[in-house]
ModelCIF file with pLDDT and N, C-alpha, C, O atoms, coordinates in Angstrom:
data_MODEL
#
_entry.id   MODEL 
#
_entity.id                         1 
_entity.type                       polymer 
_entity.pdbx_number_of_molecules   1 
#
_entity_poly.entity_id                      1 
_entity_poly.type                           'polypeptide(L)' 
_entity_poly.nstd_linkage                   no 
_entity_poly.nstd_monomer                   no 
_entity_poly.pdbx_seq_one_letter_code       KLSLIGVIGVEQGPEAALLRSALVVPEKRAQGV 
_entity_poly.pdbx_seq_one_letter_code_can   KLSLIGVIGVEQGPEAALLRSALVVPEKRAQGV 
_entity_poly.pdbx_strand_id                 A 
#
loop_
_entity_poly_seq.entity_id 
_entity_poly_seq.num 
_entity_poly_seq.mon_id 
_entity_poly_seq.hetero 
1 1  LYS n 
1 2  LEU n 
1 3  SER n 
1 4  LEU n 
1 5  ILE n 
1 6  GLY n 
1 7  VAL n 
1 8  ILE n 
1 9  GLY n 
1 10 VAL n 
1 11 GLU n 
1 12 GLN n 
1 13 GLY n 
1 14 PRO n 
1 15 GLU n 
1 16 ALA n 
1 17 ALA n 
1 18 LEU n 
1 19 LEU n 
1 20 ARG n 
1 21 SER n 
1 22 ALA n 
1 23 LEU n 
1 24 VAL n 
1 25 VAL n 
1 26 PRO n 
1 27 GLU n 
1 28 LYS n 
1 29 ARG n 
1 30 ALA n 
1 31 GLN n 
1 32 GLY n 
1 33 VAL n 
#
_struct_asym.id          A 
_struct_asym.entity_id   1 
#
loop_
_ma_qa_metric.id 
_ma_qa_metric.mode 
_ma_qa_metric.name 
_ma_qa_metric.software_group_id 
_ma_qa_metric.type 
1 global pLDDT . pLDDT 
2 local  pLDDT . pLDDT 
#
_ma_qa_metric_global.metric_id      1 
_ma_qa_metric_global.metric_value   94.21 
_ma_qa_metric_global.model_id       1 
_ma_qa_metric_global.ordinal_id     1 
#
loop_
_ma_qa_metric_local.label_asym_id 
_ma_qa_metric_local.label_comp_id 
_ma_qa_metric_local.label_seq_id 
_ma_qa_metric_local.metric_id 
_ma_qa_metric_local.metric_value 
_ma_qa_metric_local.model_id 
_ma_qa_metric_local.ordinal_id 
A LYS 1  2 90.00 1 1  
A LEU 2  2 93.00 1 2  
A SER 3  2 95.00 1 3  
A LEU 4  2 97.00 1 4  
A ILE 5  2 96.00 1 5  
A GLY 6  2 97.00 1 6  
A VAL 7  2 98.00 1 7  
A ILE 8  2 97.00 1 8  
A GLY 9  2 97.00 1 9  
A VAL 10 2 97.00 1 10 
A GLU 11 2 96.00 1 11 
A GLN 12 2 93.00 1 12 
A GLY 13 2 92.00 1 13 
A PRO 14 2 89.00 1 14 
A GLU 15 2 91.00 1 15 
A ALA 16 2 96.00 1 16 
A ALA 17 2 96.00 1 17 
A LEU 18 2 97.00 1 18 
A LEU 19 2 97.00 1 19 
A ARG 20 2 96.00 1 20 
A SER 21 2 95.00 1 21 
A ALA 22 2 95.00 1 22 
A LEU 23 2 96.00 1 23 
A VAL 24 2 96.00 1 24 
A VAL 25 2 96.00 1 25 
A PRO 26 2 95.00 1 26 
A GLU 27 2 92.00 1 27 
A LYS 28 2 92.00 1 28 
A ARG 29 2 91.00 1 29 
A ALA 30 2 88.00 1 30 
A GLN 31 2 89.00 1 31 
A GLY 32 2 91.00 1 32 
A VAL 33 2 93.00 1 33 
#
loop_
_atom_site.group_PDB 
_atom_site.id 
_atom_site.type_symbol 
_atom_site.label_atom_id 
_atom_site.label_alt_id 
_atom_site.label_comp_id 
_atom_site.label_asym_id 
_atom_site.label_entity_id 
_atom_site.label_seq_id 
_atom_site.pdbx_PDB_ins_code 
_atom_site.Cartn_x 
_atom_site.Cartn_y 
_atom_site.Cartn_z 
_atom_site.occupancy 
_atom_site.B_iso_or_equiv 
_atom_site.pdbx_formal_charge 
_atom_site.auth_seq_id 
_atom_site.auth_comp_id 
_atom_site.auth_asym_id 
_atom_site.auth_atom_id 
_atom_site.pdbx_PDB_model_num 
ATOM 1   N N  . LYS A 1 1  ? -14.030 7.449   -10.246 1.00 90.00 ? 1  LYS A N  1 
ATOM 2   C CA . LYS A 1 1  ? -13.203 8.629   -10.512 1.00 90.00 ? 1  LYS A CA 1 
ATOM 3   C C  . LYS A 1 1  ? -11.713 8.326   -10.633 1.00 90.00 ? 1  LYS A C  1 
ATOM 4   O O  . LYS A 1 1  ? -10.949 9.164   -11.113 1.00 90.00 ? 1  LYS A O  1 
ATOM 5   N N  . LEU A 1 2  ? -11.294 7.136   -10.202 1.00 93.00 ? 2  LEU A N  1 
ATOM 6   C CA . LEU A 1 2  ? -9.882  6.742   -10.257 1.00 93.00 ? 2  LEU A CA 1 
ATOM 7   C C  . LEU A 1 2  ? -8.994  7.647   -9.408  1.00 93.00 ? 2  LEU A C  1 
ATOM 8   O O  . LEU A 1 2  ? -7.848  7.912   -9.769  1.00 93.00 ? 2  LEU A O  1 
ATOM 9   N N  . SER A 1 3  ? -9.519  8.115   -8.291  1.00 95.00 ? 3  SER A N  1 
ATOM 10  C CA . SER A 1 3  ? -8.706  8.895   -7.353  1.00 95.00 ? 3  SER A CA 1 
ATOM 11  C C  . SER A 1 3  ? -7.813  7.946   -6.562  1.00 95.00 ? 3  SER A C  1 
ATOM 12  O O  . SER A 1 3  ? -8.250  6.865   -6.168  1.00 95.00 ? 3  SER A O  1 
ATOM 13  N N  . LEU A 1 4  ? -6.573  8.344   -6.330  1.00 97.00 ? 4  LEU A N  1 
ATOM 14  C CA . LEU A 1 4  ? -5.645  7.514   -5.569  1.00 97.00 ? 4  LEU A CA 1 
ATOM 15  C C  . LEU A 1 4  ? -6.045  7.516   -4.101  1.00 97.00 ? 4  LEU A C  1 
ATOM 16  O O  . LEU A 1 4  ? -6.089  8.571   -3.468  1.00 97.00 ? 4  LEU A O  1 
ATOM 17  N N  . ILE A 1 5  ? -6.338  6.337   -3.558  1.00 96.00 ? 5  ILE A N  1 
ATOM 18  C CA . ILE A 1 5  ? -6.748  6.238   -2.156  1.00 96.00 ? 5  ILE A CA 1 
ATOM 19  C C  . ILE A 1 5  ? -5.829  5.333   -1.338  1.00 96.00 ? 5  ILE A C  1 
ATOM 20  O O  . ILE A 1 5  ? -5.951  5.272   -0.115  1.00 96.00 ? 5  ILE A O  1 
ATOM 21  N N  . GLY A 1 6  ? -4.917  4.633   -1.999  1.00 97.00 ? 6  GLY A N  1 
ATOM 22  C CA . GLY A 1 6  ? -4.013  3.764   -1.254  1.00 97.00 ? 6  GLY A CA 1 
ATOM 23  C C  . GLY A 1 6  ? -2.839  3.338   -2.098  1.00 97.00 ? 6  GLY A C  1 
ATOM 24  O O  . GLY A 1 6  ? -2.909  3.324   -3.327  1.00 97.00 ? 6  GLY A O  1 
ATOM 25  N N  . VAL A 1 7  ? -1.753  2.988   -1.422  1.00 98.00 ? 7  VAL A N  1 
ATOM 26  C CA . VAL A 1 7  ? -0.549  2.536   -2.112  1.00 98.00 ? 7  VAL A CA 1 
ATOM 27  C C  . VAL A 1 7  ? 0.179   1.542   -1.226  1.00 98.00 ? 7  VAL A C  1 
ATOM 28  O O  . VAL A 1 7  ? 0.058   1.580   -0.002  1.00 98.00 ? 7  VAL A O  1 
ATOM 29  N N  . ILE A 1 8  ? 0.927   0.661   -1.849  1.00 97.00 ? 8  ILE A N  1 
ATOM 30  C CA . ILE A 1 8  ? 1.798   -0.255  -1.119  1.00 97.00 ? 8  ILE A CA 1 
ATOM 31  C C  . ILE A 1 8  ? 2.958   -0.622  -2.037  1.00 97.00 ? 8  ILE A C  1 
ATOM 32  O O  . ILE A 1 8  ? 2.796   -0.692  -3.255  1.00 97.00 ? 8  ILE A O  1 
ATOM 33  N N  . GLY A 1 9  ? 4.121   -0.853  -1.451  1.00 97.00 ? 9  GLY A N  1 
ATOM 34  C CA . GLY A 1 9  ? 5.290   -1.191  -2.240  1.00 97.00 ? 9  GLY A CA 1 
ATOM 35  C C  . GLY A 1 9  ? 6.023   -2.387  -1.674  1.00 97.00 ? 9  GLY A C  1 
ATOM 36  O O  . GLY A 1 9  ? 5.813   -2.773  -0.524  1.00 97.00 ? 9  GLY A O  1 
ATOM 37  N N  . VAL A 1 10 ? 6.882   -2.972  -2.489  1.00 97.00 ? 10 VAL A N  1 
ATOM 38  C CA . VAL A 1 10 ? 7.713   -4.083  -2.051  1.00 97.00 ? 10 VAL A CA 1 
ATOM 39  C C  . VAL A 1 10 ? 9.081   -3.954  -2.714  1.00 97.00 ? 10 VAL A C  1 
ATOM 40  O O  . VAL A 1 10 ? 9.182   -3.662  -3.905  1.00 97.00 ? 10 VAL A O  1 
ATOM 41  N N  . GLU A 1 11 ? 10.116  -4.172  -1.935  1.00 96.00 ? 11 GLU A N  1 
ATOM 42  C CA . GLU A 1 11 ? 11.494  -4.130  -2.429  1.00 96.00 ? 11 GLU A CA 1 
ATOM 43  C C  . GLU A 1 11 ? 12.047  -5.549  -2.410  1.00 96.00 ? 11 GLU A C  1 
ATOM 44  O O  . GLU A 1 11 ? 11.891  -6.275  -1.428  1.00 96.00 ? 11 GLU A O  1 
ATOM 45  N N  . GLN A 1 12 ? 12.690  -5.932  -3.499  1.00 93.00 ? 12 GLN A N  1 
ATOM 46  C CA . GLN A 1 12 ? 13.090  -7.310  -3.686  1.00 93.00 ? 12 GLN A CA 1 
ATOM 47  C C  . GLN A 1 12 ? 14.526  -7.586  -3.263  1.00 93.00 ? 12 GLN A C  1 
ATOM 48  O O  . GLN A 1 12 ? 15.442  -6.843  -3.614  1.00 93.00 ? 12 GLN A O  1 
ATOM 49  N N  . GLY A 1 13 ? 14.710  -8.652  -2.513  1.00 92.00 ? 13 GLY A N  1 
ATOM 50  C CA . GLY A 1 13 ? 16.026  -9.175  -2.216  1.00 92.00 ? 13 GLY A CA 1 
ATOM 51  C C  . GLY A 1 13 ? 16.221  -10.470 -2.971  1.00 92.00 ? 13 GLY A C  1 
ATOM 52  O O  . GLY A 1 13 ? 15.342  -10.874 -3.732  1.00 92.00 ? 13 GLY A O  1 
ATOM 53  N N  . PRO A 1 14 ? 17.353  -11.136 -2.782  1.00 89.00 ? 14 PRO A N  1 
ATOM 54  C CA . PRO A 1 14 ? 17.598  -12.388 -3.506  1.00 89.00 ? 14 PRO A CA 1 
ATOM 55  C C  . PRO A 1 14 ? 16.660  -13.510 -3.099  1.00 89.00 ? 14 PRO A C  1 
ATOM 56  O O  . PRO A 1 14 ? 16.257  -14.313 -3.941  1.00 89.00 ? 14 PRO A O  1 
ATOM 57  N N  . GLU A 1 15 ? 16.300  -13.580 -1.804  1.00 91.00 ? 15 GLU A N  1 
ATOM 58  C CA . GLU A 1 15 ? 15.450  -14.674 -1.330  1.00 91.00 ? 15 GLU A CA 1 
ATOM 59  C C  . GLU A 1 15 ? 14.285  -14.194 -0.474  1.00 91.00 ? 15 GLU A C  1 
ATOM 60  O O  . GLU A 1 15 ? 13.466  -15.008 -0.046  1.00 91.00 ? 15 GLU A O  1 
ATOM 61  N N  . ALA A 1 16 ? 14.193  -12.909 -0.219  1.00 96.00 ? 16 ALA A N  1 
ATOM 62  C CA . ALA A 1 16 ? 13.125  -12.339 0.605   1.00 96.00 ? 16 ALA A CA 1 
ATOM 63  C C  . ALA A 1 16 ? 12.769  -10.967 0.055   1.00 96.00 ? 16 ALA A C  1 
ATOM 64  O O  . ALA A 1 16 ? 13.473  -10.427 -0.798  1.00 96.00 ? 16 ALA A O  1 
ATOM 65  N N  . ALA A 1 17 ? 11.672  -10.410 0.548   1.00 96.00 ? 17 ALA A N  1 
ATOM 66  C CA . ALA A 1 17 ? 11.221  -9.100  0.088   1.00 96.00 ? 17 ALA A CA 1 
ATOM 67  C C  . ALA A 1 17 ? 10.888  -8.224  1.283   1.00 96.00 ? 17 ALA A C  1 
ATOM 68  O O  . ALA A 1 17 ? 10.667  -8.720  2.388   1.00 96.00 ? 17 ALA A O  1 
ATOM 69  N N  . LEU A 1 18 ? 10.854  -6.914  1.053   1.00 97.00 ? 18 LEU A N  1 
ATOM 70  C CA . LEU A 1 18 ? 10.587  -5.934  2.095   1.00 97.00 ? 18 LEU A CA 1 
ATOM 71  C C  . LEU A 1 18 ? 9.353   -5.124  1.718   1.00 97.00 ? 18 LEU A C  1 
ATOM 72  O O  . LEU A 1 18 ? 9.337   -4.452  0.688   1.00 97.00 ? 18 LEU A O  1 
ATOM 73  N N  . LEU A 1 19 ? 8.336   -5.189  2.542   1.00 97.00 ? 19 LEU A N  1 
ATOM 74  C CA . LEU A 1 19 ? 7.113   -4.421  2.339   1.00 97.00 ? 19 LEU A CA 1 
ATOM 75  C C  . LEU A 1 19 ? 7.333   -3.000  2.848   1.00 97.00 ? 19 LEU A C  1 
ATOM 76  O O  . LEU A 1 19 ? 7.936   -2.810  3.904   1.00 97.00 ? 19 LEU A O  1 
ATOM 77  N N  . ARG A 1 20 ? 6.854   -2.003  2.111   1.00 96.00 ? 20 ARG A N  1 
ATOM 78  C CA . ARG A 1 20 ? 7.035   -0.617  2.525   1.00 96.00 ? 20 ARG A CA 1 
ATOM 79  C C  . ARG A 1 20 ? 5.945   0.269   1.926   1.00 96.00 ? 20 ARG A C  1 
ATOM 80  O O  . ARG A 1 20 ? 5.151   -0.168  1.093   1.00 96.00 ? 20 ARG A O  1 
ATOM 81  N N  . SER A 1 21 ? 5.928   1.515   2.369   1.00 95.00 ? 21 SER A N  1 
ATOM 82  C CA . SER A 1 21 ? 5.080   2.560   1.794   1.00 95.00 ? 21 SER A CA 1 
ATOM 83  C C  . SER A 1 21 ? 3.608   2.177   1.759   1.00 95.00 ? 21 SER A C  1 
ATOM 84  O O  . SER A 1 21 ? 2.913   2.479   0.789   1.00 95.00 ? 21 SER A O  1 
ATOM 85  N N  . ALA A 1 22 ? 3.127   1.516   2.808   1.00 95.00 ? 22 ALA A N  1 
ATOM 86  C CA . ALA A 1 22 ? 1.714   1.139   2.877   1.00 95.00 ? 22 ALA A CA 1 
ATOM 87  C C  . ALA A 1 22 ? 0.914   2.295   3.468   1.00 95.00 ? 22 ALA A C  1 
ATOM 88  O O  . ALA A 1 22 ? 1.142   2.704   4.607   1.00 95.00 ? 22 ALA A O  1 
ATOM 89  N N  . LEU A 1 23 ? -0.015  2.811   2.691   1.00 96.00 ? 23 LEU A N  1 
ATOM 90  C CA . LEU A 1 23 ? -0.779  3.980   3.124   1.00 96.00 ? 23 LEU A CA 1 
ATOM 91  C C  . LEU A 1 23 ? -2.148  3.991   2.467   1.00 96.00 ? 23 LEU A C  1 
ATOM 92  O O  . LEU A 1 23 ? -2.273  3.750   1.266   1.00 96.00 ? 23 LEU A O  1 
ATOM 93  N N  . VAL A 1 24 ? -3.170  4.272   3.258   1.00 96.00 ? 24 VAL A N  1 
ATOM 94  C CA . VAL A 1 24 ? -4.531  4.493   2.769   1.00 96.00 ? 24 VAL A CA 1 
ATOM 95  C C  . VAL A 1 24 ? -4.992  5.846   3.307   1.00 96.00 ? 24 VAL A C  1 
ATOM 96  O O  . VAL A 1 24 ? -4.721  6.182   4.460   1.00 96.00 ? 24 VAL A O  1 
ATOM 97  N N  . VAL A 1 25 ? -5.680  6.613   2.484   1.00 96.00 ? 25 VAL A N  1 
ATOM 98  C CA . VAL A 1 25 ? -6.154  7.922   2.946   1.00 96.00 ? 25 VAL A CA 1 
ATOM 99  C C  . VAL A 1 25 ? -7.106  7.717   4.128   1.00 96.00 ? 25 VAL A C  1 
ATOM 100 O O  . VAL A 1 25 ? -7.865  6.748   4.147   1.00 96.00 ? 25 VAL A O  1 
ATOM 101 N N  . PRO A 1 26 ? -7.071  8.620   5.111   1.00 95.00 ? 26 PRO A N  1 
ATOM 102 C CA . PRO A 1 26 ? -7.853  8.421   6.344   1.00 95.00 ? 26 PRO A CA 1 
ATOM 103 C C  . PRO A 1 26 ? -9.327  8.123   6.118   1.00 95.00 ? 26 PRO A C  1 
ATOM 104 O O  . PRO A 1 26 ? -9.895  7.277   6.808   1.00 95.00 ? 26 PRO A O  1 
ATOM 105 N N  . GLU A 1 27 ? -9.957  8.803   5.165   1.00 92.00 ? 27 GLU A N  1 
ATOM 106 C CA . GLU A 1 27 ? -11.399 8.641   4.991   1.00 92.00 ? 27 GLU A CA 1 
ATOM 107 C C  . GLU A 1 27 ? -11.791 7.309   4.355   1.00 92.00 ? 27 GLU A C  1 
ATOM 108 O O  . GLU A 1 27 ? -12.977 6.983   4.291   1.00 92.00 ? 27 GLU A O  1 
ATOM 109 N N  . LYS A 1 28 ? -10.801 6.526   3.881   1.00 92.00 ? 28 LYS A N  1 
ATOM 110 C CA . LYS A 1 28 ? -11.106 5.242   3.261   1.00 92.00 ? 28 LYS A CA 1 
ATOM 111 C C  . LYS A 1 28 ? -10.571 4.063   4.072   1.00 92.00 ? 28 LYS A C  1 
ATOM 112 O O  . LYS A 1 28 ? -10.583 2.927   3.598   1.00 92.00 ? 28 LYS A O  1 
ATOM 113 N N  . ARG A 1 29 ? -10.106 4.326   5.283   1.00 91.00 ? 29 ARG A N  1 
ATOM 114 C CA . ARG A 1 29 ? -9.570  3.240   6.103   1.00 91.00 ? 29 ARG A CA 1 
ATOM 115 C C  . ARG A 1 29 ? -10.694 2.403   6.693   1.00 91.00 ? 29 ARG A C  1 
ATOM 116 O O  . ARG A 1 29 ? -11.835 2.851   6.804   1.00 91.00 ? 29 ARG A O  1 
ATOM 117 N N  . ALA A 1 30 ? -10.347 1.183   7.069   1.00 88.00 ? 30 ALA A N  1 
ATOM 118 C CA . ALA A 1 30 ? -11.299 0.239   7.667   1.00 88.00 ? 30 ALA A CA 1 
ATOM 119 C C  . ALA A 1 30 ? -12.452 -0.079  6.718   1.00 88.00 ? 30 ALA A C  1 
ATOM 120 O O  . ALA A 1 30 ? -13.571 -0.359  7.147   1.00 88.00 ? 30 ALA A O  1 
ATOM 121 N N  . GLN A 1 31 ? -12.153 -0.029  5.410   1.00 89.00 ? 31 GLN A N  1 
ATOM 122 C CA . GLN A 1 31 ? -13.166 -0.348  4.412   1.00 89.00 ? 31 GLN A CA 1 
ATOM 123 C C  . GLN A 1 31 ? -12.660 -1.380  3.405   1.00 89.00 ? 31 GLN A C  1 
ATOM 124 O O  . GLN A 1 31 ? -13.225 -1.529  2.322   1.00 89.00 ? 31 GLN A O  1 
ATOM 125 N N  . GLY A 1 32 ? -11.605 -2.083  3.766   1.00 91.00 ? 32 GLY A N  1 
ATOM 126 C CA . GLY A 1 32 ? -11.109 -3.157  2.914   1.00 91.00 ? 32 GLY A CA 1 
ATOM 127 C C  . GLY A 1 32 ? -10.001 -2.778  1.963   1.00 91.00 ? 32 GLY A C  1 
ATOM 128 O O  . GLY A 1 32 ? -9.455  -3.653  1.291   1.00 91.00 ? 32 GLY A O  1 
ATOM 129 N N  . VAL A 1 33 ? -9.646  -1.506  1.877   1.00 93.00 ? 33 VAL A N  1 
ATOM 130 C CA . VAL A 1 33 ? -8.620  -1.072  0.935   1.00 93.00 ? 33 VAL A CA 1 
ATOM 131 C C  . VAL A 1 33 ? -7.245  -1.571  1.369   1.00 93.00 ? 33 VAL A C  1 
ATOM 132 O O  . VAL A 1 33 ? -6.250  -1.302  0.695   1.00 93.00 ? 33 VAL A O  1 
#
């Protein structure tokens, strides 16, 4: 169905990156997403 069940983001620095906005819908957690 292509329903959105998870998202993750990364913000770029010159030599490192910042992980953010990591979210999985409750009913799909602990299933590898």
